[in-house]
Amino acid sequence: MSVKNMRLIVLSLFAVAAVAFPAMARAEAKIGVVDFQRIMTESKAGQGLQKELDTQQKSFQEDVAKQQADLESTQQALSKEKASDDLAQKKTEFEKKVIDAKQQIQKRRETLEKAATKSVDELRQQVAAVIGDIAQKGKIDLVLGRQSVIIADKSLDLTDQVLKALDAKGVKVELKLDAKSKQ
């Protein structure tokens, strides 16, 4: 879910709550603010996930560089050969290898991106559960994402509490890749 969509949903829910529950709108509602981006980068779970993602991306880049070097070597060898029927067949095979390599790279990139998205969503769900616990214990009526708040008193910020609780809970989210994409 994009940040823009999340903001729209939060603002819509707030507006509906204000209309549906006018007494709550007039009473003092206890509000909290959470910086999701900070949680994603500073929590142990977020850092572990980022480290895994970096490792996979590095491996991916190394594999791409190796394939590219192999293809360039083959291309240079073909350019040095003299014209023949065999050369035409070799060039056709080379072109097929190039197309196959591009498709393989694109498929692996998509798999890596999908796995990263799923893992980040899983972490967001874990964070939401921790925020829910904190909100319930602190009797907080509404928790907003920092990205959708323009100005807020620092006393409303729950981010440090969420970070501590998430790390204490030992939440760990792994990047789940299928066996084919790890090769």
C-alpha atoms as a PDB file:
ATOM      1  CA  MET A   1       0.000   0.000   0.000  1.00  0.00           C
ATOM      2  CA  SER A   2       1.451   3.315  -0.962  1.00  0.00           C
ATOM      3  CA  VAL A   3       2.017   6.112   1.522  1.00  0.00           C
ATOM      4  CA  LYS A   4      -0.444   8.263  -0.381  1.00  0.00           C
ATOM      5  CA  ASN A   5      -3.171   5.617  -0.085  1.00  0.00           C
ATOM      6  CA  MET A   6      -2.358   5.084   3.590  1.00  0.00           C
ATOM      7  CA  ARG A   7      -2.686   8.817   4.259  1.00  0.00           C
ATOM      8  CA  LEU A   8      -6.008   8.936   2.467  1.00  0.00           C
ATOM      9  CA  ILE A   9      -7.316   5.993   4.484  1.00  0.00           C
ATOM     10  CA  VAL A  10      -6.147   7.450   7.804  1.00  0.00           C
ATOM     11  CA  LEU A  11      -7.604  10.857   7.028  1.00  0.00           C
ATOM     12  CA  SER A  12     -10.868   9.265   5.860  1.00  0.00           C
ATOM     13  CA  LEU A  13     -11.116   7.202   9.021  1.00  0.00           C
ATOM     14  CA  PHE A  14     -10.453  10.274  11.120  1.00  0.00           C
ATOM     15  CA  ALA A  15     -13.153  12.219   9.269  1.00  0.00           C
ATOM     16  CA  VAL A  16     -15.640   9.348   9.622  1.00  0.00           C
ATOM     17  CA  ALA A  17     -14.854   9.059  13.321  1.00  0.00           C
ATOM     18  CA  ALA A  18     -15.407  12.789  13.792  1.00  0.00           C
ATOM     19  CA  VAL A  19     -18.775  12.595  12.041  1.00  0.00           C
ATOM     20  CA  ALA A  20     -19.909   9.272  13.489  1.00  0.00           C
ATOM     21  CA  PHE A  21     -18.773   9.986  17.020  1.00  0.00           C
ATOM     22  CA  PRO A  22     -19.352  13.704  17.632  1.00  0.00           C
ATOM     23  CA  ALA A  23     -18.971  13.234  21.379  1.00  0.00           C
ATOM     24  CA  MET A  24     -15.492  11.802  20.877  1.00  0.00           C
ATOM     25  CA  ALA A  25     -14.662  14.630  18.489  1.00  0.00           C
ATOM     26  CA  ARG A  26     -15.574  17.174  21.176  1.00  0.00           C
ATOM     27  CA  ALA A  27     -13.907  15.263  23.990  1.00  0.00           C
ATOM     28  CA  GLU A  28     -10.164  15.174  24.202  1.00  0.00           C
ATOM     29  CA  ALA A  29      -8.956  12.230  22.182  1.00  0.00           C
ATOM     30  CA  LYS A  30      -5.588  10.783  23.059  1.00  0.00           C
ATOM     31  CA  ILE A  31      -3.449  10.726  19.926  1.00  0.00           C
ATOM     32  CA  GLY A  32      -0.094   9.181  19.124  1.00  0.00           C
ATOM     33  CA  VAL A  33       2.265   9.570  16.196  1.00  0.00           C
ATOM     34  CA  VAL A  34       4.608   6.904  14.838  1.00  0.00           C
ATOM     35  CA  ASP A  35       7.444   7.301  12.327  1.00  0.00           C
ATOM     36  CA  PHE A  36       7.203   4.078  10.299  1.00  0.00           C
ATOM     37  CA  GLN A  37      10.263   4.907   8.207  1.00  0.00           C
ATOM     38  CA  ARG A  38      12.390   5.279  11.312  1.00  0.00           C
ATOM     39  CA  ILE A  39      11.089   1.995  12.683  1.00  0.00           C
ATOM     40  CA  MET A  40      11.914   0.260   9.406  1.00  0.00           C
ATOM     41  CA  THR A  41      15.481   1.565   9.447  1.00  0.00           C
ATOM     42  CA  GLU A  42      16.299   1.500  13.173  1.00  0.00           C
ATOM     43  CA  SER A  43      14.610  -1.661  14.445  1.00  0.00           C
ATOM     44  CA  LYS A  44      16.610  -4.882  14.616  1.00  0.00           C
ATOM     45  CA  ALA A  45      14.043  -6.567  12.378  1.00  0.00           C
ATOM     46  CA  GLY A  46      14.242  -3.772   9.804  1.00  0.00           C
ATOM     47  CA  GLN A  47      18.022  -3.731   9.852  1.00  0.00           C
ATOM     48  CA  GLY A  48      18.173  -7.521   9.513  1.00  0.00           C
ATOM     49  CA  LEU A  49      15.803  -7.435   6.577  1.00  0.00           C
ATOM     50  CA  GLN A  50      17.804  -4.658   4.912  1.00  0.00           C
ATOM     51  CA  LYS A  51      21.037  -6.614   5.415  1.00  0.00           C
ATOM     52  CA  GLU A  52      19.483  -9.681   3.791  1.00  0.00           C
ATOM     53  CA  LEU A  53      18.178  -7.583   0.912  1.00  0.00           C
ATOM     54  CA  ASP A  54      21.603  -5.977   0.421  1.00  0.00           C
ATOM     55  CA  THR A  55      23.239  -9.426   0.369  1.00  0.00           C
ATOM     56  CA  GLN A  56      20.786 -10.708  -2.240  1.00  0.00           C
ATOM     57  CA  GLN A  57      21.187  -7.573  -4.365  1.00  0.00           C
ATOM     58  CA  LYS A  58      24.975  -7.870  -4.226  1.00  0.00           C
ATOM     59  CA  SER A  59      24.780 -11.514  -5.270  1.00  0.00           C
ATOM     60  CA  PHE A  60      22.398 -10.559  -8.070  1.00  0.00           C
ATOM     61  CA  GLN A  61      24.731  -7.811  -9.314  1.00  0.00           C
ATOM     62  CA  GLU A  62      27.713 -10.178  -9.218  1.00  0.00           C
ATOM     63  CA  ASP A  63      25.808 -12.783 -11.236  1.00  0.00           C
ATOM     64  CA  VAL A  64      24.755 -10.167 -13.785  1.00  0.00           C
ATOM     65  CA  ALA A  65      28.349  -8.936 -14.108  1.00  0.00           C
ATOM     66  CA  LYS A  66      29.574 -12.516 -14.615  1.00  0.00           C
ATOM     67  CA  GLN A  67      26.944 -13.201 -17.285  1.00  0.00           C
ATOM     68  CA  GLN A  68      27.786  -9.930 -19.009  1.00  0.00           C
ATOM     69  CA  ALA A  69      31.505 -10.733 -18.999  1.00  0.00           C
ATOM     70  CA  ASP A  70      30.837 -14.211 -20.434  1.00  0.00           C
ATOM     71  CA  LEU A  71      28.629 -12.773 -23.169  1.00  0.00           C
ATOM     72  CA  GLU A  72      31.181 -10.077 -24.038  1.00  0.00           C
ATOM     73  CA  SER A  73      33.917 -12.714 -24.234  1.00  0.00           C
ATOM     74  CA  THR A  74      31.783 -14.827 -26.554  1.00  0.00           C
ATOM     75  CA  GLN A  75      30.947 -11.789 -28.671  1.00  0.00           C
ATOM     76  CA  GLN A  76      34.624 -10.871 -29.027  1.00  0.00           C
ATOM     77  CA  ALA A  77      35.498 -14.425 -30.031  1.00  0.00           C
ATOM     78  CA  LEU A  78      32.739 -14.420 -32.643  1.00  0.00           C
ATOM     79  CA  SER A  79      33.872 -11.088 -34.076  1.00  0.00           C
ATOM     80  CA  LYS A  80      37.361 -12.507 -34.657  1.00  0.00           C
ATOM     81  CA  GLU A  81      36.106 -15.553 -36.573  1.00  0.00           C
ATOM     82  CA  LYS A  82      35.998 -15.548 -40.341  1.00  0.00           C
ATOM     83  CA  ALA A  83      32.650 -15.719 -42.149  1.00  0.00           C
ATOM     84  CA  SER A  84      31.234 -19.222 -42.522  1.00  0.00           C
ATOM     85  CA  ASP A  85      27.985 -21.150 -42.160  1.00  0.00           C
ATOM     86  CA  ASP A  86      29.154 -22.228 -38.733  1.00  0.00           C
ATOM     87  CA  LEU A  87      29.675 -18.591 -37.741  1.00  0.00           C
ATOM     88  CA  ALA A  88      26.107 -17.672 -38.660  1.00  0.00           C
ATOM     89  CA  GLN A  89      24.821 -20.487 -36.460  1.00  0.00           C
ATOM     90  CA  LYS A  90      27.091 -19.416 -33.606  1.00  0.00           C
ATOM     91  CA  LYS A  91      25.822 -15.827 -33.888  1.00  0.00           C
ATOM     92  CA  THR A  92      22.231 -17.054 -33.786  1.00  0.00           C
ATOM     93  CA  GLU A  93      23.012 -19.125 -30.688  1.00  0.00           C
ATOM     94  CA  PHE A  94      24.742 -16.129 -29.131  1.00  0.00           C
ATOM     95  CA  GLU A  95      21.731 -13.896 -29.769  1.00  0.00           C
ATOM     96  CA  LYS A  96      19.522 -16.535 -28.113  1.00  0.00           C
ATOM     97  CA  LYS A  97      21.873 -16.575 -25.097  1.00  0.00           C
ATOM     98  CA  VAL A  98      21.617 -12.792 -24.828  1.00  0.00           C
ATOM     99  CA  ILE A  99      17.811 -12.915 -24.898  1.00  0.00           C
ATOM    100  CA  ASP A 100      17.746 -15.753 -22.353  1.00  0.00           C
ATOM    101  CA  ALA A 101      20.125 -13.866 -20.061  1.00  0.00           C
ATOM    102  CA  LYS A 102      17.964 -10.721 -20.217  1.00  0.00           C
ATOM    103  CA  GLN A 103      14.835 -12.733 -19.408  1.00  0.00           C
ATOM    104  CA  GLN A 104      16.562 -14.519 -16.543  1.00  0.00           C
ATOM    105  CA  ILE A 105      17.828 -11.225 -15.107  1.00  0.00           C
ATOM    106  CA  GLN A 106      14.386  -9.621 -15.361  1.00  0.00           C
ATOM    107  CA  LYS A 107      12.711 -12.620 -13.720  1.00  0.00           C
ATOM    108  CA  ARG A 108      15.212 -12.679 -10.866  1.00  0.00           C
ATOM    109  CA  ARG A 109      14.853  -8.903 -10.363  1.00  0.00           C
ATOM    110  CA  GLU A 110      11.058  -9.236 -10.183  1.00  0.00           C
ATOM    111  CA  THR A 111      11.319 -12.150  -7.751  1.00  0.00           C
ATOM    112  CA  LEU A 112      13.654 -10.160  -5.519  1.00  0.00           C
ATOM    113  CA  GLU A 113      11.353  -7.132  -5.600  1.00  0.00           C
ATOM    114  CA  LYS A 114       8.272  -9.243  -4.781  1.00  0.00           C
ATOM    115  CA  ALA A 115      10.063 -10.950  -1.894  1.00  0.00           C
ATOM    116  CA  ALA A 116      11.209  -7.580  -0.538  1.00  0.00           C
ATOM    117  CA  THR A 117       7.679  -6.171  -0.769  1.00  0.00           C
ATOM    118  CA  LYS A 118       6.193  -9.202   1.002  1.00  0.00           C
ATOM    119  CA  SER A 119       8.792  -9.031   3.749  1.00  0.00           C
ATOM    120  CA  VAL A 120       8.295  -5.296   4.305  1.00  0.00           C
ATOM    121  CA  ASP A 121       4.528  -5.851   4.456  1.00  0.00           C
ATOM    122  CA  GLU A 122       5.062  -8.610   7.022  1.00  0.00           C
ATOM    123  CA  LEU A 123       7.227  -6.280   9.096  1.00  0.00           C
ATOM    124  CA  ARG A 124       4.589  -3.545   8.847  1.00  0.00           C
ATOM    125  CA  GLN A 125       2.001  -6.009  10.191  1.00  0.00           C
ATOM    126  CA  GLN A 126       4.276  -6.843  13.113  1.00  0.00           C
ATOM    127  CA  VAL A 127       4.795  -3.133  13.775  1.00  0.00           C
ATOM    128  CA  ALA A 128       1.038  -2.526  13.603  1.00  0.00           C
ATOM    129  CA  ALA A 129       0.472  -5.252  16.210  1.00  0.00           C
ATOM    130  CA  VAL A 130       3.034  -3.657  18.541  1.00  0.00           C
ATOM    131  CA  ILE A 131       1.456  -0.229  18.001  1.00  0.00           C
ATOM    132  CA  GLY A 132      -1.945  -1.739  18.786  1.00  0.00           C
ATOM    133  CA  ASP A 133      -0.638  -3.132  22.080  1.00  0.00           C
ATOM    134  CA  ILE A 134       0.924   0.191  23.029  1.00  0.00           C
ATOM    135  CA  ALA A 135      -2.231   2.085  22.074  1.00  0.00           C
ATOM    136  CA  GLN A 136      -4.390  -0.273  24.114  1.00  0.00           C
ATOM    137  CA  LYS A 137      -2.152  -0.100  27.182  1.00  0.00           C
ATOM    138  CA  GLY A 138      -1.807   3.686  26.914  1.00  0.00           C
ATOM    139  CA  LYS A 139      -5.515   4.153  26.129  1.00  0.00           C
ATOM    140  CA  ILE A 140      -4.602   5.988  22.954  1.00  0.00           C
ATOM    141  CA  ASP A 141      -7.615   6.638  20.735  1.00  0.00           C
ATOM    142  CA  LEU A 142      -5.832   7.363  17.466  1.00  0.00           C
ATOM    143  CA  VAL A 143      -2.348   6.636  16.128  1.00  0.00           C
ATOM    144  CA  LEU A 144      -1.196   8.419  12.982  1.00  0.00           C
ATOM    145  CA  GLY A 145       1.823   7.868  10.786  1.00  0.00           C
ATOM    146  CA  ARG A 146       4.387  10.672  11.004  1.00  0.00           C
ATOM    147  CA  GLN A 147       4.258  11.070   7.226  1.00  0.00           C
ATOM    148  CA  SER A 148       0.609  12.178   7.419  1.00  0.00           C
ATOM    149  CA  VAL A 149       1.170  14.673  10.243  1.00  0.00           C
ATOM    150  CA  ILE A 150       2.406  18.156   9.496  1.00  0.00           C
ATOM    151  CA  ILE A 151       3.005  19.384  13.040  1.00  0.00           C
ATOM    152  CA  ALA A 152       2.831  17.400  16.275  1.00  0.00           C
ATOM    153  CA  ASP A 153       4.099  17.869  19.791  1.00  0.00           C
ATOM    154  CA  LYS A 154       7.051  15.584  20.500  1.00  0.00           C
ATOM    155  CA  SER A 155       5.179  14.144  23.485  1.00  0.00           C
ATOM    156  CA  LEU A 156       2.796  12.444  21.018  1.00  0.00           C
ATOM    157  CA  ASP A 157       5.619  10.521  19.337  1.00  0.00           C
ATOM    158  CA  LEU A 158       5.429   6.805  20.146  1.00  0.00           C
ATOM    159  CA  THR A 159       8.258   5.764  17.847  1.00  0.00           C
ATOM    160  CA  ASP A 160      10.827   5.097  20.588  1.00  0.00           C
ATOM    161  CA  GLN A 161       8.310   2.992  22.520  1.00  0.00           C
ATOM    162  CA  VAL A 162       7.474   1.011  19.398  1.00  0.00           C
ATOM    163  CA  LEU A 163      11.162   0.446  18.609  1.00  0.00           C
ATOM    164  CA  LYS A 164      11.868  -0.813  22.132  1.00  0.00           C
ATOM    165  CA  ALA A 165       8.808  -3.078  22.185  1.00  0.00           C
ATOM    166  CA  LEU A 166       9.487  -4.464  18.691  1.00  0.00           C
ATOM    167  CA  ASP A 167      13.120  -5.222  19.506  1.00  0.00           C
ATOM    168  CA  ALA A 168      12.187  -6.700  22.899  1.00  0.00           C
ATOM    169  CA  LYS A 169       9.627  -8.926  21.194  1.00  0.00           C
ATOM    170  CA  GLY A 170      12.428 -10.298  19.026  1.00  0.00           C
ATOM    171  CA  VAL A 171      10.549  -9.790  15.777  1.00  0.00           C
ATOM    172  CA  LYS A 172      12.498 -11.100  12.805  1.00  0.00           C
ATOM    173  CA  VAL A 173      11.352 -10.987   9.218  1.00  0.00           C
ATOM    174  CA  GLU A 174      13.257 -12.907   6.586  1.00  0.00           C
ATOM    175  CA  LEU A 175      13.496 -12.273   2.887  1.00  0.00           C
ATOM    176  CA  LYS A 176      11.755 -15.336   1.450  1.00  0.00           C
ATOM    177  CA  LEU A 177      13.084 -16.224  -1.971  1.00  0.00           C
ATOM    178  CA  ASP A 178      12.261 -19.406  -3.844  1.00  0.00           C
ATOM    179  CA  ALA A 179      15.147 -21.816  -4.480  1.00  0.00           C
ATOM    180  CA  LYS A 180      15.400 -20.868  -8.186  1.00  0.00           C
ATOM    181  CA  SER A 181      15.946 -17.178  -7.545  1.00  0.00           C
ATOM    182  CA  LYS A 182      18.821 -17.784  -5.114  1.00  0.00           C
ATOM    183  CA  GLN A 183      20.887 -19.392  -7.861  1.00  0.00           C
END
